[in-house]
Amino acid sequence: MIRGALLIALAALLWATTGIVAKFLFTGSDLQAISLGFLRLAVALPFFFALMVREQRAEARTARDESRTQRKLPFKALLPLLALGVFQAFYQGSYLIAVDLTGAGIATLIALCLAPVLVAIMAAPLLGEKPGLVTILALVAAIAGTAMLVVSDMESAGSLRLGGILMAVLAAFVYAGFTLTSRYSSTGAPVFTTAFICFLTAAVVLLPVVWLIGGFNGMASLNLSQWLMVIYIGVVPTCIGYLSFFTGMKTTPATLSSIIVTLEPLFVALLAWIFLGEVLGVVGITGAIILTAAVIIASKSSAR
């Protein structure tokens, strides 16, 4: 279990570098956030396709050994996977736009820490699960922590970057929808088959958007070092990060893994301070702590 927990923590650290590298790209080039979201998926797709093929071959060998017919993914089972892909597309766009309009640290803290609390609350009307007092208190704490982060961002930026804050909140709602769909509409599809279909759908959704907003012009302006940053985002936090996470999940309890994942926004805040000079301040740090505590409480409450 320790090895699994460390792999999940590594995944959180790798994911945390996405916002940092993205911020460097946005400030040093004409690349648009939607375009980066599409490129990230496009770079990662061959990797996940290879993993899907290997996964299916392994299932075929197991089926032969057990003298049974290999299961095929029914058409109806594709619908939840396609829905996950649409959520993924909207999340990539809204999160990266939030990073562009605000800072990597505050955008990630709001998007990722608010989402689990929203999941615990949204499960009530959508799934008939009545939220307990602890869950409601966690939501109140999450809102308070988010408000403190907004105040801190206003102090450091000198103005209210409302557009970026709203996009981060939108990303949190989209991520909550993604989580609810994946948790309660499971098709039983293999992990990497799910990941490939999800990422492929997201890339297909984003492609016409990139074309409509003239995103390919921004891609043409990238130099070699900036293309290497794009490839880094597609390979390291996306491919290696998700592989590390899925591997760690095999031996790590779900509740523990959900708590370890909350390290990601804290890693982002730390890296943003080191590499981007983004300072949360006392109010922001307090808000980040409150928001993280709310996530942990909501995660434990929803797991019961």
C-alpha atoms as a PDB file:
ATOM      1  CA  MET A   1       0.000   0.000   0.000  1.00  0.00           C
ATOM      2  CA  ILE A   2       2.906   2.371   0.703  1.00  0.00           C
ATOM      3  CA  ARG A   3       4.189   1.962  -2.850  1.00  0.00           C
ATOM      4  CA  GLY A   4       0.714   2.683  -4.216  1.00  0.00           C
ATOM      5  CA  ALA A   5       0.357   5.784  -2.046  1.00  0.00           C
ATOM      6  CA  LEU A   6       3.751   7.061  -3.215  1.00  0.00           C
ATOM      7  CA  LEU A   7       2.777   6.501  -6.860  1.00  0.00           C
ATOM      8  CA  ILE A   8      -0.406   8.526  -6.357  1.00  0.00           C
ATOM      9  CA  ALA A   9       1.589  11.287  -4.650  1.00  0.00           C
ATOM     10  CA  LEU A  10       4.005  11.242  -7.615  1.00  0.00           C
ATOM     11  CA  ALA A  11       1.037  11.579  -9.978  1.00  0.00           C
ATOM     12  CA  ALA A  12      -0.198  14.584  -7.994  1.00  0.00           C
ATOM     13  CA  LEU A  13       3.247  16.186  -8.242  1.00  0.00           C
ATOM     14  CA  LEU A  14       3.465  15.565 -12.000  1.00  0.00           C
ATOM     15  CA  TRP A  15      -0.050  16.907 -12.560  1.00  0.00           C
ATOM     16  CA  ALA A  16       0.902  19.990 -10.571  1.00  0.00           C
ATOM     17  CA  THR A  17       3.527  20.932 -13.137  1.00  0.00           C
ATOM     18  CA  THR A  18       0.860  21.342 -15.837  1.00  0.00           C
ATOM     19  CA  GLY A  19      -0.305  24.764 -14.674  1.00  0.00           C
ATOM     20  CA  ILE A  20       3.259  25.983 -14.132  1.00  0.00           C
ATOM     21  CA  VAL A  21       4.485  25.064 -17.622  1.00  0.00           C
ATOM     22  CA  ALA A  22       1.210  26.314 -19.128  1.00  0.00           C
ATOM     23  CA  LYS A  23       1.708  29.710 -17.495  1.00  0.00           C
ATOM     24  CA  PHE A  24       5.199  29.952 -19.019  1.00  0.00           C
ATOM     25  CA  LEU A  25       3.693  29.144 -22.425  1.00  0.00           C
ATOM     26  CA  PHE A  26       0.884  31.702 -22.121  1.00  0.00           C
ATOM     27  CA  THR A  27       3.206  34.521 -21.063  1.00  0.00           C
ATOM     28  CA  GLY A  28       5.894  33.740 -23.636  1.00  0.00           C
ATOM     29  CA  SER A  29       3.844  32.919 -26.739  1.00  0.00           C
ATOM     30  CA  ASP A  30       0.565  33.543 -28.567  1.00  0.00           C
ATOM     31  CA  LEU A  31      -0.707  30.034 -27.786  1.00  0.00           C
ATOM     32  CA  GLN A  32      -4.305  30.066 -26.561  1.00  0.00           C
ATOM     33  CA  ALA A  33      -5.514  28.015 -23.624  1.00  0.00           C
ATOM     34  CA  ILE A  34      -7.971  25.974 -25.702  1.00  0.00           C
ATOM     35  CA  SER A  35      -5.190  25.171 -28.174  1.00  0.00           C
ATOM     36  CA  LEU A  36      -2.939  23.914 -25.390  1.00  0.00           C
ATOM     37  CA  GLY A  37      -5.761  21.724 -24.074  1.00  0.00           C
ATOM     38  CA  PHE A  38      -6.140  20.160 -27.518  1.00  0.00           C
ATOM     39  CA  LEU A  39      -2.382  19.697 -28.002  1.00  0.00           C
ATOM     40  CA  ARG A  40      -2.061  18.055 -24.587  1.00  0.00           C
ATOM     41  CA  LEU A  41      -4.642  15.453 -25.563  1.00  0.00           C
ATOM     42  CA  ALA A  42      -3.224  14.972 -29.070  1.00  0.00           C
ATOM     43  CA  VAL A  43       0.259  14.278 -27.710  1.00  0.00           C
ATOM     44  CA  ALA A  44      -1.066  11.824 -25.119  1.00  0.00           C
ATOM     45  CA  LEU A  45      -3.423   9.870 -27.399  1.00  0.00           C
ATOM     46  CA  PRO A  46      -0.820   7.536 -29.020  1.00  0.00           C
ATOM     47  CA  PHE A  47       0.467   6.595 -25.560  1.00  0.00           C
ATOM     48  CA  PHE A  48      -2.991   5.707 -24.274  1.00  0.00           C
ATOM     49  CA  PHE A  49      -3.817   3.879 -27.507  1.00  0.00           C
ATOM     50  CA  ALA A  50      -0.758   1.656 -26.970  1.00  0.00           C
ATOM     51  CA  LEU A  51      -1.797   1.010 -23.369  1.00  0.00           C
ATOM     52  CA  MET A  52      -5.346   0.194 -24.508  1.00  0.00           C
ATOM     53  CA  VAL A  53      -4.081  -2.321 -27.075  1.00  0.00           C
ATOM     54  CA  ARG A  54      -1.841  -3.978 -24.475  1.00  0.00           C
ATOM     55  CA  GLU A  55      -4.730  -4.069 -22.011  1.00  0.00           C
ATOM     56  CA  GLN A  56      -7.061  -5.692 -24.539  1.00  0.00           C
ATOM     57  CA  ARG A  57      -4.433  -8.297 -25.484  1.00  0.00           C
ATOM     58  CA  ALA A  58      -3.997  -9.164 -21.813  1.00  0.00           C
ATOM     59  CA  GLU A  59      -7.765  -9.585 -21.452  1.00  0.00           C
ATOM     60  CA  ALA A  60      -7.824 -11.802 -24.555  1.00  0.00           C
ATOM     61  CA  ARG A  61      -5.080 -14.037 -23.121  1.00  0.00           C
ATOM     62  CA  THR A  62      -6.956 -14.303 -19.821  1.00  0.00           C
ATOM     63  CA  ALA A  63     -10.164 -15.177 -21.634  1.00  0.00           C
ATOM     64  CA  ARG A  64      -8.389 -17.951 -23.592  1.00  0.00           C
ATOM     65  CA  ASP A  65      -6.803 -19.362 -20.439  1.00  0.00           C
ATOM     66  CA  GLU A  66     -10.193 -19.482 -18.756  1.00  0.00           C
ATOM     67  CA  SER A  67     -11.897 -20.880 -21.883  1.00  0.00           C
ATOM     68  CA  ARG A  68     -14.393 -18.066 -22.149  1.00  0.00           C
ATOM     69  CA  THR A  69     -15.305 -15.458 -24.718  1.00  0.00           C
ATOM     70  CA  GLN A  70     -13.630 -12.077 -24.351  1.00  0.00           C
ATOM     71  CA  ARG A  71     -16.088  -9.362 -23.396  1.00  0.00           C
ATOM     72  CA  LYS A  72     -16.717  -6.679 -25.973  1.00  0.00           C
ATOM     73  CA  LEU A  73     -17.693  -3.171 -25.015  1.00  0.00           C
ATOM     74  CA  PRO A  74     -21.418  -2.787 -25.897  1.00  0.00           C
ATOM     75  CA  PHE A  75     -22.564   0.302 -27.771  1.00  0.00           C
ATOM     76  CA  LYS A  76     -24.621   1.534 -24.803  1.00  0.00           C
ATOM     77  CA  ALA A  77     -21.511   1.399 -22.640  1.00  0.00           C
ATOM     78  CA  LEU A  78     -19.876   3.967 -24.913  1.00  0.00           C
ATOM     79  CA  LEU A  79     -22.342   6.711 -23.956  1.00  0.00           C
ATOM     80  CA  PRO A  80     -20.937   7.320 -20.449  1.00  0.00           C
ATOM     81  CA  LEU A  81     -17.402   7.258 -21.890  1.00  0.00           C
ATOM     82  CA  LEU A  82     -18.356   9.833 -24.507  1.00  0.00           C
ATOM     83  CA  ALA A  83     -19.935  11.956 -21.769  1.00  0.00           C
ATOM     84  CA  LEU A  84     -16.673  11.737 -19.808  1.00  0.00           C
ATOM     85  CA  GLY A  85     -14.845  12.944 -22.911  1.00  0.00           C
ATOM     86  CA  VAL A  86     -17.109  15.979 -23.217  1.00  0.00           C
ATOM     87  CA  PHE A  87     -16.532  16.794 -19.540  1.00  0.00           C
ATOM     88  CA  GLN A  88     -12.789  16.381 -20.091  1.00  0.00           C
ATOM     89  CA  ALA A  89     -12.871  18.810 -23.027  1.00  0.00           C
ATOM     90  CA  PHE A  90     -14.696  21.476 -21.028  1.00  0.00           C
ATOM     91  CA  TYR A  91     -12.412  20.948 -18.044  1.00  0.00           C
ATOM     92  CA  GLN A  92      -9.226  21.276 -20.113  1.00  0.00           C
ATOM     93  CA  GLY A  93     -10.516  24.498 -21.642  1.00  0.00           C
ATOM     94  CA  SER A  94     -11.887  26.154 -18.512  1.00  0.00           C
ATOM     95  CA  TYR A  95      -8.948  25.198 -16.276  1.00  0.00           C
ATOM     96  CA  LEU A  96      -6.262  26.381 -18.691  1.00  0.00           C
ATOM     97  CA  ILE A  97      -8.167  29.610 -19.377  1.00  0.00           C
ATOM     98  CA  ALA A  98      -8.309  30.168 -15.609  1.00  0.00           C
ATOM     99  CA  VAL A  99      -4.541  29.648 -15.382  1.00  0.00           C
ATOM    100  CA  ASP A 100      -4.050  32.130 -18.220  1.00  0.00           C
ATOM    101  CA  LEU A 101      -6.315  34.808 -16.717  1.00  0.00           C
ATOM    102  CA  THR A 102      -5.195  34.443 -13.098  1.00  0.00           C
ATOM    103  CA  GLY A 103      -2.322  32.436 -11.662  1.00  0.00           C
ATOM    104  CA  ALA A 104      -1.490  28.742 -11.735  1.00  0.00           C
ATOM    105  CA  GLY A 105      -1.745  28.420  -7.965  1.00  0.00           C
ATOM    106  CA  ILE A 106      -5.105  30.073  -7.341  1.00  0.00           C
ATOM    107  CA  ALA A 107      -6.721  28.540 -10.449  1.00  0.00           C
ATOM    108  CA  THR A 108      -5.724  25.016  -9.390  1.00  0.00           C
ATOM    109  CA  LEU A 109      -6.665  25.492  -5.751  1.00  0.00           C
ATOM    110  CA  ILE A 110     -10.163  26.632  -6.672  1.00  0.00           C
ATOM    111  CA  ALA A 111     -10.727  24.174  -9.535  1.00  0.00           C
ATOM    112  CA  LEU A 112      -9.503  21.037  -7.781  1.00  0.00           C
ATOM    113  CA  CYS A 113     -10.308  21.711  -4.132  1.00  0.00           C
ATOM    114  CA  LEU A 114     -13.832  22.994  -4.704  1.00  0.00           C
ATOM    115  CA  ALA A 115     -14.753  20.052  -6.971  1.00  0.00           C
ATOM    116  CA  PRO A 116     -14.834  17.206  -4.362  1.00  0.00           C
ATOM    117  CA  VAL A 117     -16.999  19.304  -2.056  1.00  0.00           C
ATOM    118  CA  LEU A 118     -19.361  20.030  -4.948  1.00  0.00           C
ATOM    119  CA  VAL A 119     -19.499  16.282  -5.668  1.00  0.00           C
ATOM    120  CA  ALA A 120     -20.600  15.591  -2.103  1.00  0.00           C
ATOM    121  CA  ILE A 121     -23.331  18.243  -2.370  1.00  0.00           C
ATOM    122  CA  MET A 122     -24.479  17.484  -5.953  1.00  0.00           C
ATOM    123  CA  ALA A 123     -24.879  13.803  -5.106  1.00  0.00           C
ATOM    124  CA  ALA A 124     -27.977  14.754  -3.101  1.00  0.00           C
ATOM    125  CA  PRO A 125     -30.276  16.028  -5.900  1.00  0.00           C
ATOM    126  CA  LEU A 126     -28.746  13.856  -8.621  1.00  0.00           C
ATOM    127  CA  LEU A 127     -28.441  10.555  -6.803  1.00  0.00           C
ATOM    128  CA  GLY A 128     -30.805  10.888  -3.869  1.00  0.00           C
ATOM    129  CA  GLU A 129     -27.994  10.919  -1.314  1.00  0.00           C
ATOM    130  CA  LYS A 130     -28.850  13.212   1.576  1.00  0.00           C
ATOM    131  CA  PRO A 131     -25.814  15.288   2.606  1.00  0.00           C
ATOM    132  CA  GLY A 132     -24.937  15.096   6.269  1.00  0.00           C
ATOM    133  CA  LEU A 133     -24.081  17.974   8.558  1.00  0.00           C
ATOM    134  CA  VAL A 134     -20.353  17.318   8.088  1.00  0.00           C
ATOM    135  CA  THR A 135     -20.698  17.611   4.310  1.00  0.00           C
ATOM    136  CA  ILE A 136     -22.633  20.877   4.590  1.00  0.00           C
ATOM    137  CA  LEU A 137     -20.015  22.284   6.968  1.00  0.00           C
ATOM    138  CA  ALA A 138     -17.309  21.212   4.504  1.00  0.00           C
ATOM    139  CA  LEU A 139     -19.076  23.162   1.752  1.00  0.00           C
ATOM    140  CA  VAL A 140     -19.282  26.268   3.943  1.00  0.00           C
ATOM    141  CA  ALA A 141     -15.568  25.921   4.751  1.00  0.00           C
ATOM    142  CA  ALA A 142     -14.756  25.456   1.052  1.00  0.00           C
ATOM    143  CA  ILE A 143     -16.661  28.614   0.123  1.00  0.00           C
ATOM    144  CA  ALA A 144     -14.885  30.539   2.888  1.00  0.00           C
ATOM    145  CA  GLY A 145     -11.492  29.228   1.758  1.00  0.00           C
ATOM    146  CA  THR A 146     -12.247  30.139  -1.859  1.00  0.00           C
ATOM    147  CA  ALA A 147     -13.283  33.659  -0.817  1.00  0.00           C
ATOM    148  CA  MET A 148     -10.005  34.075   1.069  1.00  0.00           C
ATOM    149  CA  LEU A 149      -8.069  32.970  -2.014  1.00  0.00           C
ATOM    150  CA  VAL A 150      -9.928  35.552  -4.120  1.00  0.00           C
ATOM    151  CA  VAL A 151      -9.093  38.276  -1.595  1.00  0.00           C
ATOM    152  CA  SER A 152      -5.448  37.197  -1.588  1.00  0.00           C
ATOM    153  CA  ASP A 153      -5.366  37.226  -5.396  1.00  0.00           C
ATOM    154  CA  MET A 154      -6.843  40.740  -5.436  1.00  0.00           C
ATOM    155  CA  GLU A 155      -4.124  41.934  -3.071  1.00  0.00           C
ATOM    156  CA  SER A 156      -1.267  40.403  -5.089  1.00  0.00           C
ATOM    157  CA  ALA A 157      -2.631  41.338  -8.550  1.00  0.00           C
ATOM    158  CA  GLY A 158      -3.915  44.758  -7.539  1.00  0.00           C
ATOM    159  CA  SER A 159      -7.323  44.053  -9.071  1.00  0.00           C
ATOM    160  CA  LEU A 160     -10.130  41.506  -9.136  1.00  0.00           C
ATOM    161  CA  ARG A 161      -9.363  39.035 -11.914  1.00  0.00           C
ATOM    162  CA  LEU A 162     -13.011  38.014 -12.040  1.00  0.00           C
ATOM    163  CA  GLY A 163     -12.853  36.249 -15.399  1.00  0.00           C
ATOM    164  CA  GLY A 164     -10.145  33.860 -14.247  1.00  0.00           C
ATOM    165  CA  ILE A 165     -11.877  33.204 -10.922  1.00  0.00           C
ATOM    166  CA  LEU A 166     -15.163  32.388 -12.656  1.00  0.00           C
ATOM    167  CA  MET A 167     -13.410  30.054 -15.099  1.00  0.00           C
ATOM    168  CA  ALA A 168     -11.761  28.252 -12.165  1.00  0.00           C
ATOM    169  CA  VAL A 169     -15.165  27.842 -10.507  1.00  0.00           C
ATOM    170  CA  LEU A 170     -16.578  26.571 -13.814  1.00  0.00           C
ATOM    171  CA  ALA A 171     -13.705  24.090 -14.018  1.00  0.00           C
ATOM    172  CA  ALA A 172     -14.604  22.895 -10.506  1.00  0.00           C
ATOM    173  CA  PHE A 173     -18.237  22.273 -11.539  1.00  0.00           C
ATOM    174  CA  VAL A 174     -17.142  20.479 -14.724  1.00  0.00           C
ATOM    175  CA  TYR A 175     -14.692  18.316 -12.781  1.00  0.00           C
ATOM    176  CA  ALA A 176     -17.466  17.495 -10.304  1.00  0.00           C
ATOM    177  CA  GLY A 177     -19.678  16.417 -13.211  1.00  0.00           C
ATOM    178  CA  PHE A 178     -16.845  14.284 -14.561  1.00  0.00           C
ATOM    179  CA  THR A 179     -16.371  12.627 -11.171  1.00  0.00           C
ATOM    180  CA  LEU A 180     -20.072  11.907 -10.674  1.00  0.00           C
ATOM    181  CA  THR A 181     -20.400  10.477 -14.180  1.00  0.00           C
ATOM    182  CA  SER A 182     -17.355   8.229 -13.807  1.00  0.00           C
ATOM    183  CA  ARG A 183     -18.375   7.072 -10.321  1.00  0.00           C
ATOM    184  CA  TYR A 184     -22.031   6.302 -10.854  1.00  0.00           C
ATOM    185  CA  SER A 185     -22.204   5.510 -14.570  1.00  0.00           C
ATOM    186  CA  SER A 186     -19.407   2.973 -14.665  1.00  0.00           C
ATOM    187  CA  THR A 187     -19.514   0.665 -17.654  1.00  0.00           C
ATOM    188  CA  GLY A 188     -16.950  -1.770 -16.375  1.00  0.00           C
ATOM    189  CA  ALA A 189     -14.699  -0.886 -19.288  1.00  0.00           C
ATOM    190  CA  PRO A 190     -10.959  -1.484 -18.790  1.00  0.00           C
ATOM    191  CA  VAL A 191      -9.043   1.487 -17.379  1.00  0.00           C
ATOM    192  CA  PHE A 192      -6.964   2.443 -20.402  1.00  0.00           C
ATOM    193  CA  THR A 193      -9.797   1.785 -22.843  1.00  0.00           C
ATOM    194  CA  THR A 194     -11.830   4.271 -20.812  1.00  0.00           C
ATOM    195  CA  ALA A 195      -8.959   6.752 -20.787  1.00  0.00           C
ATOM    196  CA  PHE A 196      -8.346   6.505 -24.541  1.00  0.00           C
ATOM    197  CA  ILE A 197     -12.007   6.926 -25.517  1.00  0.00           C
ATOM    198  CA  CYS A 198     -12.376   9.789 -23.054  1.00  0.00           C
ATOM    199  CA  PHE A 199      -9.284  11.633 -24.324  1.00  0.00           C
ATOM    200  CA  LEU A 200     -10.132  10.975 -27.981  1.00  0.00           C
ATOM    201  CA  THR A 201     -13.634  12.370 -27.513  1.00  0.00           C
ATOM    202  CA  ALA A 202     -12.261  15.443 -25.744  1.00  0.00           C
ATOM    203  CA  ALA A 203      -9.767  16.058 -28.555  1.00  0.00           C
ATOM    204  CA  VAL A 204     -12.531  15.739 -31.184  1.00  0.00           C
ATOM    205  CA  VAL A 205     -14.681  18.229 -29.251  1.00  0.00           C
ATOM    206  CA  LEU A 206     -11.837  20.743 -28.896  1.00  0.00           C
ATOM    207  CA  LEU A 207     -10.563  20.514 -32.487  1.00  0.00           C
ATOM    208  CA  PRO A 208     -13.327  22.592 -34.145  1.00  0.00           C
ATOM    209  CA  VAL A 209     -13.159  25.089 -31.277  1.00  0.00           C
ATOM    210  CA  VAL A 210      -9.431  25.574 -31.882  1.00  0.00           C
ATOM    211  CA  TRP A 211     -10.123  26.092 -35.578  1.00  0.00           C
ATOM    212  CA  LEU A 212     -12.941  28.593 -34.965  1.00  0.00           C
ATOM    213  CA  ILE A 213     -10.897  30.780 -32.597  1.00  0.00           C
ATOM    214  CA  GLY A 214      -7.853  30.760 -34.868  1.00  0.00           C
ATOM    215  CA  GLY A 215      -5.856  28.670 -32.437  1.00  0.00           C
ATOM    216  CA  PHE A 216      -3.634  27.187 -35.127  1.00  0.00           C
ATOM    217  CA  ASN A 217      -2.072  30.618 -35.706  1.00  0.00           C
ATOM    218  CA  GLY A 218      -0.844  30.594 -32.122  1.00  0.00           C
ATOM    219  CA  MET A 219       0.641  27.130 -32.629  1.00  0.00           C
ATOM    220  CA  ALA A 220       2.587  28.388 -35.640  1.00  0.00           C
ATOM    221  CA  SER A 221       4.264  31.018 -33.476  1.00  0.00           C
ATOM    222  CA  LEU A 222       5.810  28.495 -31.070  1.00  0.00           C
ATOM    223  CA  ASN A 223       9.582  28.044 -31.095  1.00  0.00           C
ATOM    224  CA  LEU A 224      11.440  24.805 -30.349  1.00  0.00           C
ATOM    225  CA  SER A 225      11.655  25.295 -26.584  1.00  0.00           C
ATOM    226  CA  GLN A 226       7.945  26.104 -26.416  1.00  0.00           C
ATOM    227  CA  TRP A 227       7.060  23.000 -28.427  1.00  0.00           C
ATOM    228  CA  LEU A 228       9.133  21.001 -25.953  1.00  0.00           C
ATOM    229  CA  MET A 229       6.999  22.490 -23.170  1.00  0.00           C
ATOM    230  CA  VAL A 230       3.862  21.363 -25.018  1.00  0.00           C
ATOM    231  CA  ILE A 231       5.296  17.862 -25.435  1.00  0.00           C
ATOM    232  CA  TYR A 232       6.261  17.852 -21.748  1.00  0.00           C
ATOM    233  CA  ILE A 233       2.656  18.605 -20.733  1.00  0.00           C
ATOM    234  CA  GLY A 234       1.364  15.854 -23.022  1.00  0.00           C
ATOM    235  CA  VAL A 235       3.897  13.233 -21.900  1.00  0.00           C
ATOM    236  CA  VAL A 236       4.912  13.808 -18.279  1.00  0.00           C
ATOM    237  CA  PRO A 237       1.854  15.028 -16.320  1.00  0.00           C
ATOM    238  CA  THR A 238      -0.638  13.423 -18.714  1.00  0.00           C
ATOM    239  CA  CYS A 239       0.836  10.061 -19.767  1.00  0.00           C
ATOM    240  CA  ILE A 240       3.251   9.296 -16.929  1.00  0.00           C
ATOM    241  CA  GLY A 241       1.070  11.017 -14.337  1.00  0.00           C
ATOM    242  CA  TYR A 242      -2.071   9.032 -15.180  1.00  0.00           C
ATOM    243  CA  LEU A 243      -0.131   5.774 -15.498  1.00  0.00           C
ATOM    244  CA  SER A 244       1.370   6.362 -12.056  1.00  0.00           C
ATOM    245  CA  PHE A 245      -2.070   7.167 -10.643  1.00  0.00           C
ATOM    246  CA  PHE A 246      -3.825   4.119 -12.113  1.00  0.00           C
ATOM    247  CA  THR A 247      -0.980   1.850 -10.977  1.00  0.00           C
ATOM    248  CA  GLY A 248      -1.118   3.261  -7.455  1.00  0.00           C
ATOM    249  CA  MET A 249      -4.906   2.906  -7.298  1.00  0.00           C
ATOM    250  CA  LYS A 250      -4.602  -0.878  -7.631  1.00  0.00           C
ATOM    251  CA  THR A 251      -3.210  -1.191  -4.103  1.00  0.00           C
ATOM    252  CA  THR A 252      -4.488   1.972  -2.412  1.00  0.00           C
ATOM    253  CA  PRO A 253      -7.920   2.375  -0.772  1.00  0.00           C
ATOM    254  CA  ALA A 254     -10.150   4.854  -2.612  1.00  0.00           C
ATOM    255  CA  THR A 255     -10.573   7.174   0.377  1.00  0.00           C
ATOM    256  CA  LEU A 256      -6.829   7.382   0.987  1.00  0.00           C
ATOM    257  CA  SER A 257      -6.117   7.992  -2.696  1.00  0.00           C
ATOM    258  CA  SER A 258      -8.697  10.807  -2.837  1.00  0.00           C
ATOM    259  CA  ILE A 259      -6.967  12.489   0.097  1.00  0.00           C
ATOM    260  CA  ILE A 260      -3.481  12.066  -1.374  1.00  0.00           C
ATOM    261  CA  VAL A 261      -4.668  13.654  -4.634  1.00  0.00           C
ATOM    262  CA  THR A 262      -5.414  16.850  -2.678  1.00  0.00           C
ATOM    263  CA  LEU A 263      -1.641  17.334  -2.593  1.00  0.00           C
ATOM    264  CA  GLU A 264      -1.810  18.460  -6.236  1.00  0.00           C
ATOM    265  CA  PRO A 265      -3.115  22.015  -5.640  1.00  0.00           C
ATOM    266  CA  LEU A 266      -0.697  22.415  -2.740  1.00  0.00           C
ATOM    267  CA  PHE A 267       2.166  21.296  -4.993  1.00  0.00           C
ATOM    268  CA  VAL A 268       0.984  23.819  -7.598  1.00  0.00           C
ATOM    269  CA  ALA A 269       0.914  26.634  -5.046  1.00  0.00           C
ATOM    270  CA  LEU A 270       4.450  25.757  -3.941  1.00  0.00           C
ATOM    271  CA  LEU A 271       5.796  25.471  -7.494  1.00  0.00           C
ATOM    272  CA  ALA A 272       4.026  28.687  -8.512  1.00  0.00           C
ATOM    273  CA  TRP A 273       5.749  30.482  -5.648  1.00  0.00           C
ATOM    274  CA  ILE A 274       9.173  29.052  -6.585  1.00  0.00           C
ATOM    275  CA  PHE A 275       9.051  29.401 -10.385  1.00  0.00           C
ATOM    276  CA  LEU A 276       6.439  32.093 -11.066  1.00  0.00           C
ATOM    277  CA  GLY A 277       6.758  34.297  -8.005  1.00  0.00           C
ATOM    278  CA  GLU A 278       3.056  33.872  -7.182  1.00  0.00           C
ATOM    279  CA  VAL A 279       2.585  34.724  -3.505  1.00  0.00           C
ATOM    280  CA  LEU A 280      -0.623  33.781  -1.714  1.00  0.00           C
ATOM    281  CA  GLY A 281       0.059  35.782   1.424  1.00  0.00           C
ATOM    282  CA  VAL A 282      -1.262  35.030   4.896  1.00  0.00           C
ATOM    283  CA  VAL A 283      -4.917  35.260   3.870  1.00  0.00           C
ATOM    284  CA  GLY A 284      -4.356  33.073   0.806  1.00  0.00           C
ATOM    285  CA  ILE A 285      -2.371  30.441   2.690  1.00  0.00           C
ATOM    286  CA  THR A 286      -5.083  30.299   5.362  1.00  0.00           C
ATOM    287  CA  GLY A 287      -7.728  29.946   2.661  1.00  0.00           C
ATOM    288  CA  ALA A 288      -5.739  27.179   0.979  1.00  0.00           C
ATOM    289  CA  ILE A 289      -5.474  25.278   4.271  1.00  0.00           C
ATOM    290  CA  ILE A 290      -9.203  25.658   4.951  1.00  0.00           C
ATOM    291  CA  LEU A 291     -10.079  24.588   1.408  1.00  0.00           C
ATOM    292  CA  THR A 292      -7.803  21.534   1.598  1.00  0.00           C
ATOM    293  CA  ALA A 293      -9.244  20.548   4.973  1.00  0.00           C
ATOM    294  CA  ALA A 294     -12.741  20.837   3.502  1.00  0.00           C
ATOM    295  CA  VAL A 295     -11.752  18.482   0.668  1.00  0.00           C
ATOM    296  CA  ILE A 296     -10.394  15.872   3.072  1.00  0.00           C
ATOM    297  CA  ILE A 297     -13.507  16.049   5.247  1.00  0.00           C
ATOM    298  CA  ALA A 298     -15.816  15.835   2.228  1.00  0.00           C
ATOM    299  CA  SER A 299     -13.834  12.884   0.847  1.00  0.00           C
ATOM    300  CA  LYS A 300     -14.085  10.950   4.094  1.00  0.00           C
ATOM    301  CA  SER A 301     -17.772  11.805   4.458  1.00  0.00           C
ATOM    302  CA  SER A 302     -18.712  10.745   0.907  1.00  0.00           C
ATOM    303  CA  ALA A 303     -16.801   7.466   1.272  1.00  0.00           C
ATOM    304  CA  ARG A 304     -18.979   6.273   4.147  1.00  0.00           C
END
